Amino acid sequence: MRQAGFVMVMVLFVVASCTKKSVPTKTAAIDGGALYRENCARCHGANGTGERGPDLTKIDYGKPELTEAIFNGGGKMPSFGDKLTSKEISAVADFVLHLKK
């Protein structure tokens, strides 16, 4: 009887160790506006209207060109490809496109 109890505990232990742990299916949304304010606003202004950098409300870029510009930089603008993830860059690009008038 005692041996049967031990076997049952071991079986339950093995079964429990083989089951998958739950993985969250939702990923946290990336706040492109916060990333913009942290990385871009000092040159492009809080509303994107430009200060030291160009007025982003009047740029003629689509998302692919804007994403590439953020990633690679250009002119006086630094590259953010080594500072932000591709998802963060995409969120910043979406935010900037939202600023366009």
PDB file of N, CA and C in Angstrom:
ATOM      1  N   MET A   1       0.827  -1.191   0.000  1.00  0.00           N
ATOM      2  CA  MET A   1       0.000   0.000   0.000  1.00  0.00           C
ATOM      3  C   MET A   1       0.871   1.254   0.000  1.00  0.00           C
ATOM      4  N   ARG A   2       1.898   1.230   0.825  1.00  0.00           N
ATOM      5  CA  ARG A   2       2.787   2.375   0.914  1.00  0.00           C
ATOM      6  C   ARG A   2       3.519   2.589  -0.418  1.00  0.00           C
ATOM      7  N   GLN A   3       3.884   1.489  -1.052  1.00  0.00           N
ATOM      8  CA  GLN A   3       4.578   1.572  -2.333  1.00  0.00           C
ATOM      9  C   GLN A   3       3.641   2.115  -3.414  1.00  0.00           C
ATOM     10  N   ALA A   4       2.376   1.763  -3.384  1.00  0.00           N
ATOM     11  CA  ALA A   4       1.396   2.254  -4.358  1.00  0.00           C
ATOM     12  C   ALA A   4       1.240   3.763  -4.235  1.00  0.00           C
ATOM     13  N   GLY A   5       1.231   4.287  -3.010  1.00  0.00           N
ATOM     14  CA  GLY A   5       1.133   5.725  -2.788  1.00  0.00           C
ATOM     15  C   GLY A   5       2.340   6.453  -3.367  1.00  0.00           C
ATOM     16  N   PHE A   6       3.531   5.870  -3.167  1.00  0.00           N
ATOM     17  CA  PHE A   6       4.748   6.453  -3.692  1.00  0.00           C
ATOM     18  C   PHE A   6       4.704   6.495  -5.217  1.00  0.00           C
ATOM     19  N   VAL A   7       4.240   5.407  -5.825  1.00  0.00           N
ATOM     20  CA  VAL A   7       4.148   5.333  -7.286  1.00  0.00           C
ATOM     21  C   VAL A   7       3.166   6.390  -7.806  1.00  0.00           C
ATOM     22  N   MET A   8       2.045   6.563  -7.125  1.00  0.00           N
ATOM     23  CA  MET A   8       1.062   7.556  -7.546  1.00  0.00           C
ATOM     24  C   MET A   8       1.652   8.973  -7.477  1.00  0.00           C
ATOM     25  N   VAL A   9       2.379   9.267  -6.413  1.00  0.00           N
ATOM     26  CA  VAL A   9       3.007  10.580  -6.282  1.00  0.00           C
ATOM     27  C   VAL A   9       3.998  10.797  -7.408  1.00  0.00           C
ATOM     28  N   MET A  10       4.788   9.791  -7.733  1.00  0.00           N
ATOM     29  CA  MET A  10       5.767   9.906  -8.805  1.00  0.00           C
ATOM     30  C   MET A  10       5.081  10.109 -10.159  1.00  0.00           C
ATOM     31  N   VAL A  11       4.002   9.396 -10.403  1.00  0.00           N
ATOM     32  CA  VAL A  11       3.260   9.547 -11.656  1.00  0.00           C
ATOM     33  C   VAL A  11       2.715  10.970 -11.767  1.00  0.00           C
ATOM     34  N   LEU A  12       2.142  11.477 -10.691  1.00  0.00           N
ATOM     35  CA  LEU A  12       1.623  12.847 -10.707  1.00  0.00           C
ATOM     36  C   LEU A  12       2.743  13.857 -10.929  1.00  0.00           C
ATOM     37  N   PHE A  13       3.893  13.624 -10.334  1.00  0.00           N
ATOM     38  CA  PHE A  13       5.035  14.511 -10.515  1.00  0.00           C
ATOM     39  C   PHE A  13       5.467  14.535 -11.977  1.00  0.00           C
ATOM     40  N   VAL A  14       5.549  13.365 -12.594  1.00  0.00           N
ATOM     41  CA  VAL A  14       5.958  13.284 -13.998  1.00  0.00           C
ATOM     42  C   VAL A  14       4.937  13.972 -14.900  1.00  0.00           C
ATOM     43  N   VAL A  15       3.659  13.721 -14.650  1.00  0.00           N
ATOM     44  CA  VAL A  15       2.609  14.340 -15.467  1.00  0.00           C
ATOM     45  C   VAL A  15       2.663  15.861 -15.309  1.00  0.00           C
ATOM     46  N   ALA A  16       2.811  16.343 -14.081  1.00  0.00           N
ATOM     47  CA  ALA A  16       2.856  17.782 -13.838  1.00  0.00           C
ATOM     48  C   ALA A  16       4.067  18.425 -14.498  1.00  0.00           C
ATOM     49  N   SER A  17       5.182  17.736 -14.517  1.00  0.00           N
ATOM     50  CA  SER A  17       6.380  18.319 -15.116  1.00  0.00           C
ATOM     51  C   SER A  17       6.327  18.318 -16.636  1.00  0.00           C
ATOM     52  N   CYS A  18       5.460  17.517 -17.218  1.00  0.00           N
ATOM     53  CA  CYS A  18       5.357  17.451 -18.680  1.00  0.00           C
ATOM     54  C   CYS A  18       4.322  18.418 -19.249  1.00  0.00           C
ATOM     55  N   THR A  19       3.456  18.949 -18.419  1.00  0.00           N
ATOM     56  CA  THR A  19       2.445  19.855 -18.947  1.00  0.00           C
ATOM     57  C   THR A  19       3.062  21.209 -19.240  1.00  0.00           C
ATOM     58  N   LYS A  20       2.557  21.838 -20.281  1.00  0.00           N
ATOM     59  CA  LYS A  20       3.069  23.148 -20.679  1.00  0.00           C
ATOM     60  C   LYS A  20       2.586  24.206 -19.699  1.00  0.00           C
ATOM     61  N   LYS A  21       3.457  25.128 -19.421  1.00  0.00           N
ATOM     62  CA  LYS A  21       3.065  26.259 -18.596  1.00  0.00           C
ATOM     63  C   LYS A  21       2.306  27.235 -19.496  1.00  0.00           C
ATOM     64  N   SER A  22       1.364  27.942 -18.901  1.00  0.00           N
ATOM     65  CA  SER A  22       0.605  28.888 -19.710  1.00  0.00           C
ATOM     66  C   SER A  22       1.496  30.074 -20.083  1.00  0.00           C
ATOM     67  N   VAL A  23       1.395  30.455 -21.326  1.00  0.00           N
ATOM     68  CA  VAL A  23       2.162  31.575 -21.853  1.00  0.00           C
ATOM     69  C   VAL A  23       1.172  32.678 -22.175  1.00  0.00           C
ATOM     70  N   PRO A  24       1.428  33.873 -21.705  1.00  0.00           N
ATOM     71  CA  PRO A  24       0.493  34.955 -22.028  1.00  0.00           C
ATOM     72  C   PRO A  24       0.378  35.128 -23.540  1.00  0.00           C
ATOM     73  N   THR A  25      -0.841  35.223 -24.033  1.00  0.00           N
ATOM     74  CA  THR A  25      -1.041  35.377 -25.469  1.00  0.00           C
ATOM     75  C   THR A  25      -1.054  36.841 -25.877  1.00  0.00           C
ATOM     76  N   LYS A  26      -1.305  37.726 -24.942  1.00  0.00           N
ATOM     77  CA  LYS A  26      -1.324  39.154 -25.246  1.00  0.00           C
ATOM     78  C   LYS A  26       0.037  39.759 -24.983  1.00  0.00           C
ATOM     79  N   THR A  27       0.491  40.557 -25.908  1.00  0.00           N
ATOM     80  CA  THR A  27       1.722  41.293 -25.666  1.00  0.00           C
ATOM     81  C   THR A  27       1.347  42.731 -25.346  1.00  0.00           C
ATOM     82  N   ALA A  28       2.127  43.337 -24.527  1.00  0.00           N
ATOM     83  CA  ALA A  28       1.849  44.718 -24.155  1.00  0.00           C
ATOM     84  C   ALA A  28       1.972  45.615 -25.378  1.00  0.00           C
ATOM     85  N   ALA A  29       1.045  46.525 -25.493  1.00  0.00           N
ATOM     86  CA  ALA A  29       1.093  47.476 -26.608  1.00  0.00           C
ATOM     87  C   ALA A  29       2.287  48.409 -26.416  1.00  0.00           C
ATOM     88  N   ILE A  30       2.899  48.763 -27.509  1.00  0.00           N
ATOM     89  CA  ILE A  30       4.039  49.669 -27.473  1.00  0.00           C
ATOM     90  C   ILE A  30       3.516  51.088 -27.676  1.00  0.00           C
ATOM     91  N   ASP A  31       3.888  51.984 -26.794  1.00  0.00           N
ATOM     92  CA  ASP A  31       3.427  53.368 -26.837  1.00  0.00           C
ATOM     93  C   ASP A  31       4.367  54.187 -27.720  1.00  0.00           C
ATOM     94  N   GLY A  32       3.999  54.317 -28.988  1.00  0.00           N
ATOM     95  CA  GLY A  32       4.801  55.074 -29.934  1.00  0.00           C
ATOM     96  C   GLY A  32       4.925  56.538 -29.554  1.00  0.00           C
ATOM     97  N   GLY A  33       3.891  57.087 -28.939  1.00  0.00           N
ATOM     98  CA  GLY A  33       3.931  58.476 -28.507  1.00  0.00           C
ATOM     99  C   GLY A  33       4.962  58.700 -27.413  1.00  0.00           C
ATOM    100  N   ALA A  34       5.014  57.787 -26.466  1.00  0.00           N
ATOM    101  CA  ALA A  34       6.006  57.899 -25.384  1.00  0.00           C
ATOM    102  C   ALA A  34       7.422  57.758 -25.944  1.00  0.00           C
ATOM    103  N   LEU A  35       7.605  56.821 -26.863  1.00  0.00           N
ATOM    104  CA  LEU A  35       8.923  56.647 -27.485  1.00  0.00           C
ATOM    105  C   LEU A  35       9.309  57.886 -28.292  1.00  0.00           C
ATOM    106  N   TYR A  36       8.336  58.475 -28.982  1.00  0.00           N
ATOM    107  CA  TYR A  36       8.588  59.705 -29.740  1.00  0.00           C
ATOM    108  C   TYR A  36       9.031  60.816 -28.791  1.00  0.00           C
ATOM    109  N   ARG A  37       8.286  61.015 -27.711  1.00  0.00           N
ATOM    110  CA  ARG A  37       8.620  62.083 -26.759  1.00  0.00           C
ATOM    111  C   ARG A  37      10.005  61.877 -26.161  1.00  0.00           C
ATOM    112  N   GLU A  38      10.365  60.626 -25.912  1.00  0.00           N
ATOM    113  CA  GLU A  38      11.655  60.307 -25.306  1.00  0.00           C
ATOM    114  C   GLU A  38      12.816  60.464 -26.282  1.00  0.00           C
ATOM    115  N   ASN A  39      12.602  60.140 -27.555  1.00  0.00           N
ATOM    116  CA  ASN A  39      13.705  60.073 -28.513  1.00  0.00           C
ATOM    117  C   ASN A  39      13.689  61.130 -29.615  1.00  0.00           C
ATOM    118  N   CYS A  40      12.542  61.705 -29.908  1.00  0.00           N
ATOM    119  CA  CYS A  40      12.416  62.552 -31.098  1.00  0.00           C
ATOM    120  C   CYS A  40      12.007  63.991 -30.815  1.00  0.00           C
ATOM    121  N   ALA A  41      11.253  64.197 -29.750  1.00  0.00           N
ATOM    122  CA  ALA A  41      10.652  65.506 -29.497  1.00  0.00           C
ATOM    123  C   ALA A  41      11.681  66.617 -29.297  1.00  0.00           C
ATOM    124  N   ARG A  42      12.845  66.302 -28.762  1.00  0.00           N
ATOM    125  CA  ARG A  42      13.839  67.365 -28.519  1.00  0.00           C
ATOM    126  C   ARG A  42      14.278  68.027 -29.825  1.00  0.00           C
ATOM    127  N   CYS A  43      14.189  67.323 -30.934  1.00  0.00           N
ATOM    128  CA  CYS A  43      14.549  67.923 -32.227  1.00  0.00           C
ATOM    129  C   CYS A  43      13.325  68.255 -33.077  1.00  0.00           C
ATOM    130  N   HIS A  44      12.300  67.417 -33.025  1.00  0.00           N
ATOM    131  CA  HIS A  44      11.142  67.592 -33.894  1.00  0.00           C
ATOM    132  C   HIS A  44       9.962  68.260 -33.206  1.00  0.00           C
ATOM    133  N   GLY A  45      10.110  68.570 -31.912  1.00  0.00           N
ATOM    134  CA  GLY A  45       9.034  69.226 -31.175  1.00  0.00           C
ATOM    135  C   GLY A  45       8.005  68.234 -30.667  1.00  0.00           C
ATOM    136  N   ALA A  46       7.317  68.615 -29.618  1.00  0.00           N
ATOM    137  CA  ALA A  46       6.321  67.741 -28.983  1.00  0.00           C
ATOM    138  C   ALA A  46       5.192  67.364 -29.935  1.00  0.00           C
ATOM    139  N   ASN A  47       4.839  68.277 -30.833  1.00  0.00           N
ATOM    140  CA  ASN A  47       3.753  68.024 -31.782  1.00  0.00           C
ATOM    141  C   ASN A  47       4.256  67.698 -33.179  1.00  0.00           C
ATOM    142  N   GLY A  48       5.573  67.527 -33.310  1.00  0.00           N
ATOM    143  CA  GLY A  48       6.156  67.179 -34.597  1.00  0.00           C
ATOM    144  C   GLY A  48       6.338  68.342 -35.539  1.00  0.00           C
ATOM    145  N   THR A  49       6.105  69.560 -35.077  1.00  0.00           N
ATOM    146  CA  THR A  49       6.160  70.720 -35.967  1.00  0.00           C
ATOM    147  C   THR A  49       7.569  71.256 -36.179  1.00  0.00           C
ATOM    148  N   GLY A  50       8.543  70.602 -35.611  1.00  0.00           N
ATOM    149  CA  GLY A  50       9.933  70.967 -35.864  1.00  0.00           C
ATOM    150  C   GLY A  50      10.448  72.026 -34.911  1.00  0.00           C
ATOM    151  N   GLU A  51      11.661  71.862 -34.522  1.00  0.00           N
ATOM    152  CA  GLU A  51      12.402  72.852 -33.735  1.00  0.00           C
ATOM    153  C   GLU A  51      13.786  72.880 -34.352  1.00  0.00           C
ATOM    154  N   ARG A  52      14.633  71.955 -33.929  1.00  0.00           N
ATOM    155  CA  ARG A  52      15.951  71.810 -34.567  1.00  0.00           C
ATOM    156  C   ARG A  52      15.855  70.909 -35.787  1.00  0.00           C
ATOM    157  N   GLY A  53      14.902  70.002 -35.764  1.00  0.00           N
ATOM    158  CA  GLY A  53      14.718  69.055 -36.867  1.00  0.00           C
ATOM    159  C   GLY A  53      13.539  69.464 -37.735  1.00  0.00           C
ATOM    160  N   PRO A  54      13.342  68.765 -38.839  1.00  0.00           N
ATOM    161  CA  PRO A  54      12.251  69.096 -39.765  1.00  0.00           C
ATOM    162  C   PRO A  54      10.860  68.950 -39.145  1.00  0.00           C
ATOM    163  N   ASP A  55       9.911  69.653 -39.724  1.00  0.00           N
ATOM    164  CA  ASP A  55       8.504  69.572 -39.354  1.00  0.00           C
ATOM    165  C   ASP A  55       7.957  68.243 -39.874  1.00  0.00           C
ATOM    166  N   LEU A  56       7.639  67.339 -38.968  1.00  0.00           N
ATOM    167  CA  LEU A  56       7.170  66.009 -39.360  1.00  0.00           C
ATOM    168  C   LEU A  56       5.709  65.999 -39.773  1.00  0.00           C
ATOM    169  N   THR A  57       4.994  67.084 -39.491  1.00  0.00           N
ATOM    170  CA  THR A  57       3.584  67.129 -39.891  1.00  0.00           C
ATOM    171  C   THR A  57       3.438  67.387 -41.386  1.00  0.00           C
ATOM    172  N   LYS A  58       4.558  67.745 -42.031  1.00  0.00           N
ATOM    173  CA  LYS A  58       4.504  68.072 -43.459  1.00  0.00           C
ATOM    174  C   LYS A  58       5.369  67.150 -44.324  1.00  0.00           C
ATOM    175  N   ILE A  59       5.884  66.085 -43.721  1.00  0.00           N
ATOM    176  CA  ILE A  59       6.737  65.185 -44.510  1.00  0.00           C
ATOM    177  C   ILE A  59       5.904  64.395 -45.505  1.00  0.00           C
ATOM    178  N   ASP A  60       6.524  64.000 -46.573  1.00  0.00           N
ATOM    179  CA  ASP A  60       5.836  63.250 -47.618  1.00  0.00           C
ATOM    180  C   ASP A  60       6.327  61.804 -47.627  1.00  0.00           C
ATOM    181  N   TYR A  61       6.389  61.193 -46.459  1.00  0.00           N
ATOM    182  CA  TYR A  61       6.849  59.806 -46.325  1.00  0.00           C
ATOM    183  C   TYR A  61       5.670  58.905 -46.025  1.00  0.00           C
ATOM    184  N   GLY A  62       5.713  57.711 -46.568  1.00  0.00           N
ATOM    185  CA  GLY A  62       4.805  56.667 -46.147  1.00  0.00           C
ATOM    186  C   GLY A  62       5.474  55.903 -45.011  1.00  0.00           C
ATOM    187  N   LYS A  63       4.807  54.905 -44.488  1.00  0.00           N
ATOM    188  CA  LYS A  63       5.368  54.165 -43.350  1.00  0.00           C
ATOM    189  C   LYS A  63       6.687  53.469 -43.684  1.00  0.00           C
ATOM    190  N   PRO A  64       6.833  52.830 -44.852  1.00  0.00           N
ATOM    191  CA  PRO A  64       8.113  52.164 -45.125  1.00  0.00           C
ATOM    192  C   PRO A  64       9.301  53.140 -45.142  1.00  0.00           C
ATOM    193  N   GLU A  65       9.114  54.293 -45.773  1.00  0.00           N
ATOM    194  CA  GLU A  65      10.195  55.271 -45.836  1.00  0.00           C
ATOM    195  C   GLU A  65      10.491  55.869 -44.463  1.00  0.00           C
ATOM    196  N   LEU A  66       9.452  56.122 -43.700  1.00  0.00           N
ATOM    197  CA  LEU A  66       9.618  56.682 -42.365  1.00  0.00           C
ATOM    198  C   LEU A  66      10.305  55.680 -41.437  1.00  0.00           C
ATOM    199  N   THR A  67       9.894  54.436 -41.521  1.00  0.00           N
ATOM    200  CA  THR A  67      10.520  53.380 -40.708  1.00  0.00           C
ATOM    201  C   THR A  67      12.002  53.264 -41.045  1.00  0.00           C
ATOM    202  N   GLU A  68      12.324  53.301 -42.319  1.00  0.00           N
ATOM    203  CA  GLU A  68      13.730  53.219 -42.745  1.00  0.00           C
ATOM    204  C   GLU A  68      14.523  54.421 -42.241  1.00  0.00           C
ATOM    205  N   ALA A  69      13.922  55.607 -42.299  1.00  0.00           N
ATOM    206  CA  ALA A  69      14.605  56.816 -41.830  1.00  0.00           C
ATOM    207  C   ALA A  69      14.875  56.750 -40.327  1.00  0.00           C
ATOM    208  N   ILE A  70      13.924  56.254 -39.568  1.00  0.00           N
ATOM    209  CA  ILE A  70      14.116  56.126 -38.118  1.00  0.00           C
ATOM    210  C   ILE A  70      15.200  55.089 -37.837  1.00  0.00           C
ATOM    211  N   PHE A  71      15.153  53.989 -38.540  1.00  0.00           N
ATOM    212  CA  PHE A  71      16.123  52.917 -38.328  1.00  0.00           C
ATOM    213  C   PHE A  71      17.544  53.354 -38.678  1.00  0.00           C
ATOM    214  N   ASN A  72      17.711  53.966 -39.864  1.00  0.00           N
ATOM    215  CA  ASN A  72      19.043  54.302 -40.366  1.00  0.00           C
ATOM    216  C   ASN A  72      19.516  55.711 -40.030  1.00  0.00           C
ATOM    217  N   GLY A  73      18.591  56.608 -39.719  1.00  0.00           N
ATOM    218  CA  GLY A  73      18.973  58.002 -39.520  1.00  0.00           C
ATOM    219  C   GLY A  73      19.291  58.638 -40.857  1.00  0.00           C
ATOM    220  N   GLY A  74      19.851  59.825 -40.825  1.00  0.00           N
ATOM    221  CA  GLY A  74      20.227  60.514 -42.056  1.00  0.00           C
ATOM    222  C   GLY A  74      20.418  61.988 -41.794  1.00  0.00           C
ATOM    223  N   GLY A  75      21.339  62.596 -42.500  1.00  0.00           N
ATOM    224  CA  GLY A  75      21.637  64.005 -42.242  1.00  0.00           C
ATOM    225  C   GLY A  75      22.115  64.158 -40.810  1.00  0.00           C
ATOM    226  N   LYS A  76      21.467  65.019 -40.065  1.00  0.00           N
ATOM    227  CA  LYS A  76      21.828  65.223 -38.656  1.00  0.00           C
ATOM    228  C   LYS A  76      21.079  64.280 -37.721  1.00  0.00           C
ATOM    229  N   MET A  77      20.121  63.528 -38.262  1.00  0.00           N
ATOM    230  CA  MET A  77      19.333  62.617 -37.432  1.00  0.00           C
ATOM    231  C   MET A  77      20.117  61.337 -37.165  1.00  0.00           C
ATOM    232  N   PRO A  78      20.209  60.958 -35.886  1.00  0.00           N
ATOM    233  CA  PRO A  78      20.917  59.718 -35.569  1.00  0.00           C
ATOM    234  C   PRO A  78      20.092  58.493 -35.932  1.00  0.00           C
ATOM    235  N   SER A  79      20.752  57.376 -36.072  1.00  0.00           N
ATOM    236  CA  SER A  79      20.093  56.094 -36.300  1.00  0.00           C
ATOM    237  C   SER A  79      19.524  55.581 -34.981  1.00  0.00           C
ATOM    238  N   PHE A  80      18.329  55.041 -35.039  1.00  0.00           N
ATOM    239  CA  PHE A  80      17.731  54.438 -33.854  1.00  0.00           C
ATOM    240  C   PHE A  80      17.644  52.923 -33.985  1.00  0.00           C
ATOM    241  N   GLY A  81      18.245  52.374 -35.046  1.00  0.00           N
ATOM    242  CA  GLY A  81      18.215  50.941 -35.267  1.00  0.00           C
ATOM    243  C   GLY A  81      18.905  50.127 -34.194  1.00  0.00           C
ATOM    244  N   ASP A  82      19.866  50.742 -33.506  1.00  0.00           N
ATOM    245  CA  ASP A  82      20.550  50.021 -32.442  1.00  0.00           C
ATOM    246  C   ASP A  82      20.004  50.373 -31.060  1.00  0.00           C
ATOM    247  N   LYS A  83      19.039  51.293 -31.012  1.00  0.00           N
ATOM    248  CA  LYS A  83      18.466  51.709 -29.734  1.00  0.00           C
ATOM    249  C   LYS A  83      17.047  51.186 -29.538  1.00  0.00           C
ATOM    250  N   LEU A  84      16.279  51.102 -30.609  1.00  0.00           N
ATOM    251  CA  LEU A  84      14.886  50.671 -30.539  1.00  0.00           C
ATOM    252  C   LEU A  84      14.702  49.369 -31.299  1.00  0.00           C
ATOM    253  N   THR A  85      13.757  48.556 -30.859  1.00  0.00           N
ATOM    254  CA  THR A  85      13.434  47.323 -31.578  1.00  0.00           C
ATOM    255  C   THR A  85      12.645  47.678 -32.834  1.00  0.00           C
ATOM    256  N   SER A  86      12.507  46.729 -33.729  1.00  0.00           N
ATOM    257  CA  SER A  86      11.744  46.989 -34.952  1.00  0.00           C
ATOM    258  C   SER A  86      10.285  47.299 -34.625  1.00  0.00           C
ATOM    259  N   LYS A  87       9.736  46.682 -33.595  1.00  0.00           N
ATOM    260  CA  LYS A  87       8.347  46.972 -33.201  1.00  0.00           C
ATOM    261  C   LYS A  87       8.230  48.369 -32.612  1.00  0.00           C
ATOM    262  N   GLU A  88       9.242  48.793 -31.861  1.00  0.00           N
ATOM    263  CA  GLU A  88       9.231  50.149 -31.316  1.00  0.00           C
ATOM    264  C   GLU A  88       9.355  51.184 -32.430  1.00  0.00           C
ATOM    265  N   ILE A  89      10.217  50.926 -33.402  1.00  0.00           N
ATOM    266  CA  ILE A  89      10.372  51.830 -34.543  1.00  0.00           C
ATOM    267  C   ILE A  89       9.063  51.921 -35.320  1.00  0.00           C
ATOM    268  N   SER A  90       8.408  50.805 -35.498  1.00  0.00           N
ATOM    269  CA  SER A  90       7.118  50.792 -36.185  1.00  0.00           C
ATOM    270  C   SER A  90       6.086  51.618 -35.418  1.00  0.00           C
ATOM    271  N   ALA A  91       6.087  51.517 -34.096  1.00  0.00           N
ATOM    272  CA  ALA A  91       5.146  52.288 -33.274  1.00  0.00           C
ATOM    273  C   ALA A  91       5.441  53.782 -33.369  1.00  0.00           C
ATOM    274  N   VAL A  92       6.716  54.157 -33.392  1.00  0.00           N
ATOM    275  CA  VAL A  92       7.078  55.573 -33.548  1.00  0.00           C
ATOM    276  C   VAL A  92       6.631  56.062 -34.930  1.00  0.00           C
ATOM    277  N   ALA A  93       6.850  55.262 -35.948  1.00  0.00           N
ATOM    278  CA  ALA A  93       6.432  55.643 -37.309  1.00  0.00           C
ATOM    279  C   ALA A  93       4.916  55.850 -37.360  1.00  0.00           C
ATOM    280  N   ASP A  94       4.168  54.954 -36.749  1.00  0.00           N
ATOM    281  CA  ASP A  94       2.700  55.111 -36.705  1.00  0.00           C
ATOM    282  C   ASP A  94       2.316  56.414 -36.002  1.00  0.00           C
ATOM    283  N   PHE A  95       3.003  56.723 -34.902  1.00  0.00           N
ATOM    284  CA  PHE A  95       2.732  57.954 -34.178  1.00  0.00           C
ATOM    285  C   PHE A  95       3.024  59.177 -35.053  1.00  0.00           C
ATOM    286  N   VAL A  96       4.154  59.169 -35.716  1.00  0.00           N
ATOM    287  CA  VAL A  96       4.531  60.309 -36.572  1.00  0.00           C
ATOM    288  C   VAL A  96       3.526  60.475 -37.711  1.00  0.00           C
ATOM    289  N   LEU A  97       3.095  59.384 -38.306  1.00  0.00           N
ATOM    290  CA  LEU A  97       2.111  59.471 -39.386  1.00  0.00           C
ATOM    291  C   LEU A  97       0.801  60.047 -38.867  1.00  0.00           C
ATOM    292  N   HIS A  98       0.491  59.780 -37.607  1.00  0.00           N
ATOM    293  CA  HIS A  98      -0.706  60.331 -36.988  1.00  0.00           C
ATOM    294  C   HIS A  98      -0.610  61.853 -36.824  1.00  0.00           C
ATOM    295  N   LEU A  99       0.622  62.362 -36.704  1.00  0.00           N
ATOM    296  CA  LEU A  99       0.839  63.810 -36.528  1.00  0.00           C
ATOM    297  C   LEU A  99       0.596  64.601 -37.811  1.00  0.00           C
ATOM    298  N   LYS A 100       0.709  63.932 -38.955  1.00  0.00           N
ATOM    299  CA  LYS A 100       0.600  64.634 -40.241  1.00  0.00           C
ATOM    300  C   LYS A 100      -0.779  65.287 -40.366  1.00  0.00           C
ATOM    301  N   LYS A 101      -0.769  66.494 -40.872  1.00  0.00           N
ATOM    302  CA  LYS A 101      -2.028  67.250 -41.041  1.00  0.00           C
ATOM    303  C   LYS A 101      -2.610  67.066 -42.407  1.00  0.00           C
TER     304      LYS A 101
END
